[in-house]
Amino acid sequence: MESRSVLVTGANRGLGLEFVRQYAQAGWKTYAACRSPKSAKELKALQNQHAGRITVLSLDVTDAASIRTAAATLRGEPIDLLLNNAGVGSPPAQKIGSFDYAAWAKVLDANVLGPARMVEAFVENVATGRDKRIVTVTSRMGSIADNSSGGSYAYRSSKAGVNAAMKSFAIDLAPRGITCVVVHPGWVRTDMGGAGGKLAPAESVKSLRALIAELSPADSGKFFNVDGEELPW
C-alpha cells in the first residue's frame, strides 16, 4: 500500500520537528515546511537519516507568496494530513496600559491568518488524500470557558481566533469529506513551552499521532486535549 503523506509547518524545531521525525519513522511521505531551511540543521539531519521520505519546503505562514510557491511545488500531490503547527508565543509587556498593538497583530497574523492561509492553499491536496484531515495545534489558553486567570491577551485571542476559524472550516469543508480539528499538545518542554513543561516533545507527539489516527468525520469541528479529552470552547 502506498504510504500516507503529511505536511507539517514549523518543522525546524520543537513539536514540528518531532512530528516530522515520528511520521518519517512510521514510513509517511513527510513534507517539512519551515521559514529558513538553510539554517535548520536538525531538520537536515533528519532528512539525511530518512532519505526519500522527507521533503523540506521553504514556507513562512505569514508570507502568502512563500505559501503559493510551496503550493505550486506540491500541486497535484495528495496530502492525507495537513498539520498546522507553526505559531508564535506571547510578546512581552502585554498588560493593560502598555499593550504593544503591533506585536499583537504579528501574533494574530502567525497564529490565526497563517493556518487559514495554509488551508486555502492546500485544501485541494487534502481533498485528494485518503484520510482528508486538517489538524491545527492550538492551546487550551484559547478556550474562553477555561480562562480563569486572565492576561496573555495576544496569545489567548490568537488561539481563540484560530479555533473559531477552524470550526468554520470544519463546517464548510464537511461536504468534501474533510475532517478538521484543533488540538492542545499539553505543556511541552520546547522553546515556547519552557523548561518547566510536563511533557517531552516525543511524548506529546506520540499521543497526538494516536489521537489523529482515530479521527473520523464525526469528530470534525472539535477541540481536543493531548489525551483525547474534548475541551470546552
C-alpha atoms as a PDB file:
ATOM      1  CA  MET A   1       0.000   0.000   0.000  1.00  0.00           C
ATOM      2  CA  GLU A   2       1.223   3.498  -0.818  1.00  0.00           C
ATOM      3  CA  SER A   3       2.413   5.417   2.235  1.00  0.00           C
ATOM      4  CA  ARG A   4       0.401   8.208   3.766  1.00  0.00           C
ATOM      5  CA  SER A   5       1.552  11.829   3.397  1.00  0.00           C
ATOM      6  CA  VAL A   6       1.721  14.720   5.851  1.00  0.00           C
ATOM      7  CA  LEU A   7       2.579  18.416   5.529  1.00  0.00           C
ATOM      8  CA  VAL A   8       3.925  19.928   8.760  1.00  0.00           C
ATOM      9  CA  THR A   9       4.509  23.659   9.288  1.00  0.00           C
ATOM     10  CA  GLY A  10       7.076  24.985  11.750  1.00  0.00           C
ATOM     11  CA  ALA A  11       9.042  21.810  11.118  1.00  0.00           C
ATOM     12  CA  ASN A  12      12.508  23.023  12.115  1.00  0.00           C
ATOM     13  CA  ARG A  13      12.170  22.734  15.902  1.00  0.00           C
ATOM     14  CA  GLY A  14      10.046  21.680  18.852  1.00  0.00           C
ATOM     15  CA  LEU A  15       6.811  19.857  18.149  1.00  0.00           C
ATOM     16  CA  GLY A  16       7.109  20.386  14.405  1.00  0.00           C
ATOM     17  CA  LEU A  17      10.495  18.687  14.241  1.00  0.00           C
ATOM     18  CA  GLU A  18       9.203  15.830  16.382  1.00  0.00           C
ATOM     19  CA  PHE A  19       6.146  15.379  14.160  1.00  0.00           C
ATOM     20  CA  VAL A  20       8.479  15.107  11.169  1.00  0.00           C
ATOM     21  CA  ARG A  21      10.698  12.608  12.995  1.00  0.00           C
ATOM     22  CA  GLN A  22       7.847  10.338  14.066  1.00  0.00           C
ATOM     23  CA  TYR A  23       5.875  10.415  10.833  1.00  0.00           C
ATOM     24  CA  ALA A  24       9.008   9.745   8.772  1.00  0.00           C
ATOM     25  CA  GLN A  25       9.944   6.857  11.070  1.00  0.00           C
ATOM     26  CA  ALA A  26       6.433   5.476  10.544  1.00  0.00           C
ATOM     27  CA  GLY A  27       7.034   5.492   6.781  1.00  0.00           C
ATOM     28  CA  TRP A  28       4.971   8.536   5.854  1.00  0.00           C
ATOM     29  CA  LYS A  29       5.902  10.798   2.970  1.00  0.00           C
ATOM     30  CA  THR A  30       6.665  13.891   5.007  1.00  0.00           C
ATOM     31  CA  TYR A  31       6.685  17.471   3.734  1.00  0.00           C
ATOM     32  CA  ALA A  32       8.527  19.573   6.308  1.00  0.00           C
ATOM     33  CA  ALA A  33       7.893  23.303   5.956  1.00  0.00           C
ATOM     34  CA  CYS A  34       9.914  25.991   7.715  1.00  0.00           C
ATOM     35  CA  ARG A  35      10.984  29.576   7.160  1.00  0.00           C
ATOM     36  CA  SER A  36      14.749  29.026   6.787  1.00  0.00           C
ATOM     37  CA  PRO A  37      15.662  25.530   5.568  1.00  0.00           C
ATOM     38  CA  LYS A  38      19.333  26.513   5.194  1.00  0.00           C
ATOM     39  CA  SER A  39      19.708  27.050   8.938  1.00  0.00           C
ATOM     40  CA  ALA A  40      17.504  24.102  10.001  1.00  0.00           C
ATOM     41  CA  LYS A  41      20.382  21.792  10.945  1.00  0.00           C
ATOM     42  CA  GLU A  42      18.364  19.247  12.925  1.00  0.00           C
ATOM     43  CA  LEU A  43      15.787  19.010  10.166  1.00  0.00           C
ATOM     44  CA  LYS A  44      18.520  18.478   7.572  1.00  0.00           C
ATOM     45  CA  ALA A  45      19.988  15.714   9.707  1.00  0.00           C
ATOM     46  CA  LEU A  46      16.576  14.041   9.865  1.00  0.00           C
ATOM     47  CA  GLN A  47      16.220  14.364   6.113  1.00  0.00           C
ATOM     48  CA  ASN A  48      19.550  12.591   5.660  1.00  0.00           C
ATOM     49  CA  GLN A  49      18.504   9.794   8.027  1.00  0.00           C
ATOM     50  CA  HIS A  50      15.261   9.196   6.140  1.00  0.00           C
ATOM     51  CA  ALA A  51      16.384   9.549   2.548  1.00  0.00           C
ATOM     52  CA  GLY A  52      13.474   9.952   0.199  1.00  0.00           C
ATOM     53  CA  ARG A  53      10.824  10.282   2.914  1.00  0.00           C
ATOM     54  CA  ILE A  54      11.309  13.913   3.933  1.00  0.00           C
ATOM     55  CA  THR A  55      10.971  16.846   1.562  1.00  0.00           C
ATOM     56  CA  VAL A  56      11.905  20.204   3.067  1.00  0.00           C
ATOM     57  CA  LEU A  57       9.931  23.226   1.879  1.00  0.00           C
ATOM     58  CA  SER A  58      10.720  26.896   2.346  1.00  0.00           C
ATOM     59  CA  LEU A  59       7.497  28.322   3.744  1.00  0.00           C
ATOM     60  CA  ASP A  60       6.563  31.147   6.104  1.00  0.00           C
ATOM     61  CA  VAL A  61       2.909  31.076   7.185  1.00  0.00           C
ATOM     62  CA  THR A  62       2.896  34.884   7.400  1.00  0.00           C
ATOM     63  CA  ASP A  63       4.136  35.223   3.803  1.00  0.00           C
ATOM     64  CA  ALA A  64       1.435  34.454   1.243  1.00  0.00           C
ATOM     65  CA  ALA A  65       3.940  34.411  -1.614  1.00  0.00           C
ATOM     66  CA  SER A  66       6.033  31.682   0.028  1.00  0.00           C
ATOM     67  CA  ILE A  67       2.887  29.631   0.611  1.00  0.00           C
ATOM     68  CA  ARG A  68       1.872  29.992  -3.033  1.00  0.00           C
ATOM     69  CA  THR A  69       5.339  28.850  -4.127  1.00  0.00           C
ATOM     70  CA  ALA A  70       5.179  25.781  -1.886  1.00  0.00           C
ATOM     71  CA  ALA A  71       1.639  25.018  -3.044  1.00  0.00           C
ATOM     72  CA  ALA A  72       2.778  25.164  -6.667  1.00  0.00           C
ATOM     73  CA  THR A  73       5.567  22.699  -5.834  1.00  0.00           C
ATOM     74  CA  LEU A  74       3.015  20.260  -4.398  1.00  0.00           C
ATOM     75  CA  ARG A  75       0.281  20.835  -6.968  1.00  0.00           C
ATOM     76  CA  GLY A  76      -1.438  17.532  -7.708  1.00  0.00           C
ATOM     77  CA  GLU A  77       0.158  15.737  -4.727  1.00  0.00           C
ATOM     78  CA  PRO A  78      -2.375  14.168  -2.339  1.00  0.00           C
ATOM     79  CA  ILE A  79      -1.916  15.146   1.307  1.00  0.00           C
ATOM     80  CA  ASP A  80      -3.555  12.904   3.885  1.00  0.00           C
ATOM     81  CA  LEU A  81      -2.829  15.222   6.799  1.00  0.00           C
ATOM     82  CA  LEU A  82      -2.238  18.971   6.859  1.00  0.00           C
ATOM     83  CA  LEU A  83      -0.705  19.733  10.252  1.00  0.00           C
ATOM     84  CA  ASN A  84      -0.784  23.421  11.130  1.00  0.00           C
ATOM     85  CA  ASN A  85       1.895  23.509  13.810  1.00  0.00           C
ATOM     86  CA  ALA A  86       3.712  26.819  13.199  1.00  0.00           C
ATOM     87  CA  GLY A  87       2.929  29.584  15.656  1.00  0.00           C
ATOM     88  CA  VAL A  88       4.372  32.191  17.980  1.00  0.00           C
ATOM     89  CA  GLY A  89       4.024  32.879  21.686  1.00  0.00           C
ATOM     90  CA  SER A  90       3.019  35.936  23.661  1.00  0.00           C
ATOM     91  CA  PRO A  91       5.001  39.141  23.173  1.00  0.00           C
ATOM     92  CA  PRO A  92       6.290  40.797  26.349  1.00  0.00           C
ATOM     93  CA  ALA A  93       4.580  43.699  28.126  1.00  0.00           C
ATOM     94  CA  GLN A  94       1.033  42.815  27.132  1.00  0.00           C
ATOM     95  CA  LYS A  95      -0.639  44.450  30.123  1.00  0.00           C
ATOM     96  CA  ILE A  96      -3.456  46.961  30.378  1.00  0.00           C
ATOM     97  CA  GLY A  97      -1.909  50.355  29.850  1.00  0.00           C
ATOM     98  CA  SER A  98       1.090  49.052  27.922  1.00  0.00           C
ATOM     99  CA  PHE A  99      -0.266  46.977  25.041  1.00  0.00           C
ATOM    100  CA  ASP A 100       2.046  46.657  22.056  1.00  0.00           C
ATOM    101  CA  TYR A 101      -0.583  46.502  19.327  1.00  0.00           C
ATOM    102  CA  ALA A 102       1.927  45.986  16.520  1.00  0.00           C
ATOM    103  CA  ALA A 103       3.301  42.929  18.337  1.00  0.00           C
ATOM    104  CA  TRP A 104      -0.258  41.733  18.995  1.00  0.00           C
ATOM    105  CA  ALA A 105      -1.046  41.991  15.285  1.00  0.00           C
ATOM    106  CA  LYS A 106       2.009  39.854  14.461  1.00  0.00           C
ATOM    107  CA  VAL A 107       0.785  37.132  16.816  1.00  0.00           C
ATOM    108  CA  LEU A 108      -2.638  37.174  15.146  1.00  0.00           C
ATOM    109  CA  ASP A 109      -1.003  37.059  11.709  1.00  0.00           C
ATOM    110  CA  ALA A 110       1.045  33.980  12.556  1.00  0.00           C
ATOM    111  CA  ASN A 111      -1.447  32.090  14.717  1.00  0.00           C
ATOM    112  CA  VAL A 112      -4.764  32.865  13.004  1.00  0.00           C
ATOM    113  CA  LEU A 113      -4.149  34.021   9.455  1.00  0.00           C
ATOM    114  CA  GLY A 114      -1.220  31.623   8.960  1.00  0.00           C
ATOM    115  CA  PRO A 115      -3.262  28.433   9.409  1.00  0.00           C
ATOM    116  CA  ALA A 116      -6.088  29.932   7.347  1.00  0.00           C
ATOM    117  CA  ARG A 117      -3.665  30.660   4.508  1.00  0.00           C
ATOM    118  CA  MET A 118      -2.452  27.069   4.683  1.00  0.00           C
ATOM    119  CA  VAL A 119      -5.953  25.615   4.477  1.00  0.00           C
ATOM    120  CA  GLU A 120      -6.801  27.782   1.482  1.00  0.00           C
ATOM    121  CA  ALA A 121      -3.576  26.926  -0.311  1.00  0.00           C
ATOM    122  CA  PHE A 122      -3.603  23.160   0.288  1.00  0.00           C
ATOM    123  CA  VAL A 123      -7.285  22.241   0.534  1.00  0.00           C
ATOM    124  CA  GLU A 124      -7.242  20.628  -2.918  1.00  0.00           C
ATOM    125  CA  ASN A 125      -4.293  18.446  -1.907  1.00  0.00           C
ATOM    126  CA  VAL A 126      -6.133  17.365   1.235  1.00  0.00           C
ATOM    127  CA  ALA A 127      -9.335  16.710  -0.686  1.00  0.00           C
ATOM    128  CA  THR A 128      -7.494  14.211  -2.899  1.00  0.00           C
ATOM    129  CA  GLY A 129      -5.824  12.431   0.045  1.00  0.00           C
ATOM    130  CA  ARG A 130      -7.238   9.282   1.588  1.00  0.00           C
ATOM    131  CA  ASP A 131      -7.511  10.493   5.186  1.00  0.00           C
ATOM    132  CA  LYS A 132      -8.586  14.074   4.390  1.00  0.00           C
ATOM    133  CA  ARG A 133      -7.536  15.544   7.751  1.00  0.00           C
ATOM    134  CA  ILE A 134      -6.607  19.081   8.787  1.00  0.00           C
ATOM    135  CA  VAL A 135      -5.242  19.342  12.321  1.00  0.00           C
ATOM    136  CA  THR A 136      -4.251  22.657  13.883  1.00  0.00           C
ATOM    137  CA  VAL A 137      -2.126  22.861  17.009  1.00  0.00           C
ATOM    138  CA  THR A 138      -3.826  25.345  19.325  1.00  0.00           C
ATOM    139  CA  SER A 139      -3.788  25.828  23.108  1.00  0.00           C
ATOM    140  CA  ARG A 140      -6.330  25.443  25.854  1.00  0.00           C
ATOM    141  CA  MET A 141      -5.459  29.086  26.562  1.00  0.00           C
ATOM    142  CA  GLY A 142      -7.722  29.759  23.582  1.00  0.00           C
ATOM    143  CA  SER A 143     -10.674  28.316  25.475  1.00  0.00           C
ATOM    144  CA  ILE A 144     -12.885  31.164  26.686  1.00  0.00           C
ATOM    145  CA  ALA A 145     -14.693  28.838  29.092  1.00  0.00           C
ATOM    146  CA  ASP A 146     -11.376  27.726  30.595  1.00  0.00           C
ATOM    147  CA  ASN A 147      -9.958  31.220  31.116  1.00  0.00           C
ATOM    148  CA  SER A 148      -9.885  31.759  34.860  1.00  0.00           C
ATOM    149  CA  SER A 149      -6.645  33.716  35.173  1.00  0.00           C
ATOM    150  CA  GLY A 150      -6.837  36.491  32.546  1.00  0.00           C
ATOM    151  CA  GLY A 151      -3.754  38.021  30.942  1.00  0.00           C
ATOM    152  CA  SER A 152      -1.897  36.738  27.870  1.00  0.00           C
ATOM    153  CA  TYR A 153      -4.148  38.879  25.700  1.00  0.00           C
ATOM    154  CA  ALA A 154      -2.346  38.441  22.387  1.00  0.00           C
ATOM    155  CA  TYR A 155      -1.793  34.696  22.702  1.00  0.00           C
ATOM    156  CA  ARG A 156      -5.242  33.885  24.099  1.00  0.00           C
ATOM    157  CA  SER A 157      -7.026  35.926  21.443  1.00  0.00           C
ATOM    158  CA  SER A 158      -4.953  34.343  18.678  1.00  0.00           C
ATOM    159  CA  LYS A 159      -5.764  30.816  19.804  1.00  0.00           C
ATOM    160  CA  ALA A 160      -9.449  31.615  20.319  1.00  0.00           C
ATOM    161  CA  GLY A 161      -9.393  33.129  16.828  1.00  0.00           C
ATOM    162  CA  VAL A 162      -7.819  30.118  15.142  1.00  0.00           C
ATOM    163  CA  ASN A 163     -10.242  27.835  16.999  1.00  0.00           C
ATOM    164  CA  ALA A 164     -13.174  29.817  15.593  1.00  0.00           C
ATOM    165  CA  ALA A 165     -11.719  29.792  12.080  1.00  0.00           C
ATOM    166  CA  MET A 166     -11.108  26.036  12.141  1.00  0.00           C
ATOM    167  CA  LYS A 167     -14.634  25.407  13.426  1.00  0.00           C
ATOM    168  CA  SER A 168     -15.935  27.226  10.353  1.00  0.00           C
ATOM    169  CA  PHE A 169     -13.574  25.312   8.060  1.00  0.00           C
ATOM    170  CA  ALA A 170     -14.907  22.093   9.599  1.00  0.00           C
ATOM    171  CA  ILE A 171     -18.455  23.052   8.644  1.00  0.00           C
ATOM    172  CA  ASP A 172     -17.646  24.396   5.193  1.00  0.00           C
ATOM    173  CA  LEU A 173     -15.360  21.505   4.210  1.00  0.00           C
ATOM    174  CA  ALA A 174     -17.591  18.718   5.538  1.00  0.00           C
ATOM    175  CA  PRO A 175     -19.272  18.210   2.135  1.00  0.00           C
ATOM    176  CA  ARG A 176     -15.811  17.357   0.761  1.00  0.00           C
ATOM    177  CA  GLY A 177     -15.249  14.722   3.432  1.00  0.00           C
ATOM    178  CA  ILE A 178     -12.525  16.721   5.182  1.00  0.00           C
ATOM    179  CA  THR A 179     -12.128  16.318   8.951  1.00  0.00           C
ATOM    180  CA  CYS A 180     -10.858  19.465  10.658  1.00  0.00           C
ATOM    181  CA  VAL A 181      -9.961  19.640  14.377  1.00  0.00           C
ATOM    182  CA  VAL A 182      -7.846  21.684  16.789  1.00  0.00           C
ATOM    183  CA  VAL A 183      -5.606  20.052  19.396  1.00  0.00           C
ATOM    184  CA  HIS A 184      -3.906  21.184  22.593  1.00  0.00           C
ATOM    185  CA  PRO A 185      -0.484  19.454  22.832  1.00  0.00           C
ATOM    186  CA  GLY A 186      -0.156  19.823  26.595  1.00  0.00           C
ATOM    187  CA  TRP A 187       2.537  21.812  28.358  1.00  0.00           C
ATOM    188  CA  VAL A 188       5.566  20.701  26.392  1.00  0.00           C
ATOM    189  CA  ARG A 189       9.251  21.343  27.025  1.00  0.00           C
ATOM    190  CA  THR A 190      10.011  23.391  23.905  1.00  0.00           C
ATOM    191  CA  ASP A 191      11.389  26.870  23.260  1.00  0.00           C
ATOM    192  CA  MET A 192       7.835  28.187  23.556  1.00  0.00           C
ATOM    193  CA  GLY A 193       6.702  25.995  26.450  1.00  0.00           C
ATOM    194  CA  GLY A 194       9.856  26.428  28.504  1.00  0.00           C
ATOM    195  CA  ALA A 195      11.875  24.035  30.635  1.00  0.00           C
ATOM    196  CA  GLY A 196       9.047  23.567  33.138  1.00  0.00           C
ATOM    197  CA  GLY A 197       6.802  21.724  30.693  1.00  0.00           C
ATOM    198  CA  LYS A 198       5.298  18.445  31.888  1.00  0.00           C
ATOM    199  CA  LEU A 199       5.737  16.612  28.571  1.00  0.00           C
ATOM    200  CA  ALA A 200       8.716  15.961  26.321  1.00  0.00           C
ATOM    201  CA  PRO A 201       8.020  16.678  22.626  1.00  0.00           C
ATOM    202  CA  ALA A 202       8.240  12.949  21.847  1.00  0.00           C
ATOM    203  CA  GLU A 203       5.550  12.151  24.431  1.00  0.00           C
ATOM    204  CA  SER A 204       3.185  14.851  23.207  1.00  0.00           C
ATOM    205  CA  VAL A 205       3.585  13.952  19.554  1.00  0.00           C
ATOM    206  CA  LYS A 206       3.151  10.226  20.195  1.00  0.00           C
ATOM    207  CA  SER A 207      -0.167  10.920  21.938  1.00  0.00           C
ATOM    208  CA  LEU A 208      -1.302  13.381  19.276  1.00  0.00           C
ATOM    209  CA  ARG A 209      -0.474  10.945  16.484  1.00  0.00           C
ATOM    210  CA  ALA A 210      -2.598   8.290  18.182  1.00  0.00           C
ATOM    211  CA  LEU A 211      -5.452  10.782  18.521  1.00  0.00           C
ATOM    212  CA  ILE A 212      -5.160  11.902  14.892  1.00  0.00           C
ATOM    213  CA  ALA A 213      -5.103   8.323  13.627  1.00  0.00           C
ATOM    214  CA  GLU A 214      -8.511   7.674  15.198  1.00  0.00           C
ATOM    215  CA  LEU A 215     -10.256  10.795  13.877  1.00  0.00           C
ATOM    216  CA  SER A 216     -13.434  10.359  11.893  1.00  0.00           C
ATOM    217  CA  PRO A 217     -15.720  12.862  10.128  1.00  0.00           C
ATOM    218  CA  ALA A 218     -17.928  12.794  13.257  1.00  0.00           C
ATOM    219  CA  ASP A 219     -15.052  14.486  15.146  1.00  0.00           C
ATOM    220  CA  SER A 220     -14.776  17.400  12.742  1.00  0.00           C
ATOM    221  CA  GLY A 221     -15.068  20.776  14.443  1.00  0.00           C
ATOM    222  CA  LYS A 222     -13.967  19.506  17.863  1.00  0.00           C
ATOM    223  CA  PHE A 223     -11.300  20.780  20.266  1.00  0.00           C
ATOM    224  CA  PHE A 224      -9.177  18.000  21.790  1.00  0.00           C
ATOM    225  CA  ASN A 225      -6.660  17.805  24.595  1.00  0.00           C
ATOM    226  CA  VAL A 226      -3.492  15.771  24.027  1.00  0.00           C
ATOM    227  CA  ASP A 227      -5.041  12.879  25.986  1.00  0.00           C
ATOM    228  CA  GLY A 228      -8.130  12.782  23.758  1.00  0.00           C
ATOM    229  CA  GLU A 229     -10.410  14.663  26.158  1.00  0.00           C
ATOM    230  CA  GLU A 230     -12.751  17.097  24.398  1.00  0.00           C
ATOM    231  CA  LEU A 231     -12.138  20.639  25.644  1.00  0.00           C
ATOM    232  CA  PRO A 232     -14.702  23.456  26.082  1.00  0.00           C
ATOM    233  CA  TRP A 233     -14.720  26.359  23.675  1.00  0.00           C
END
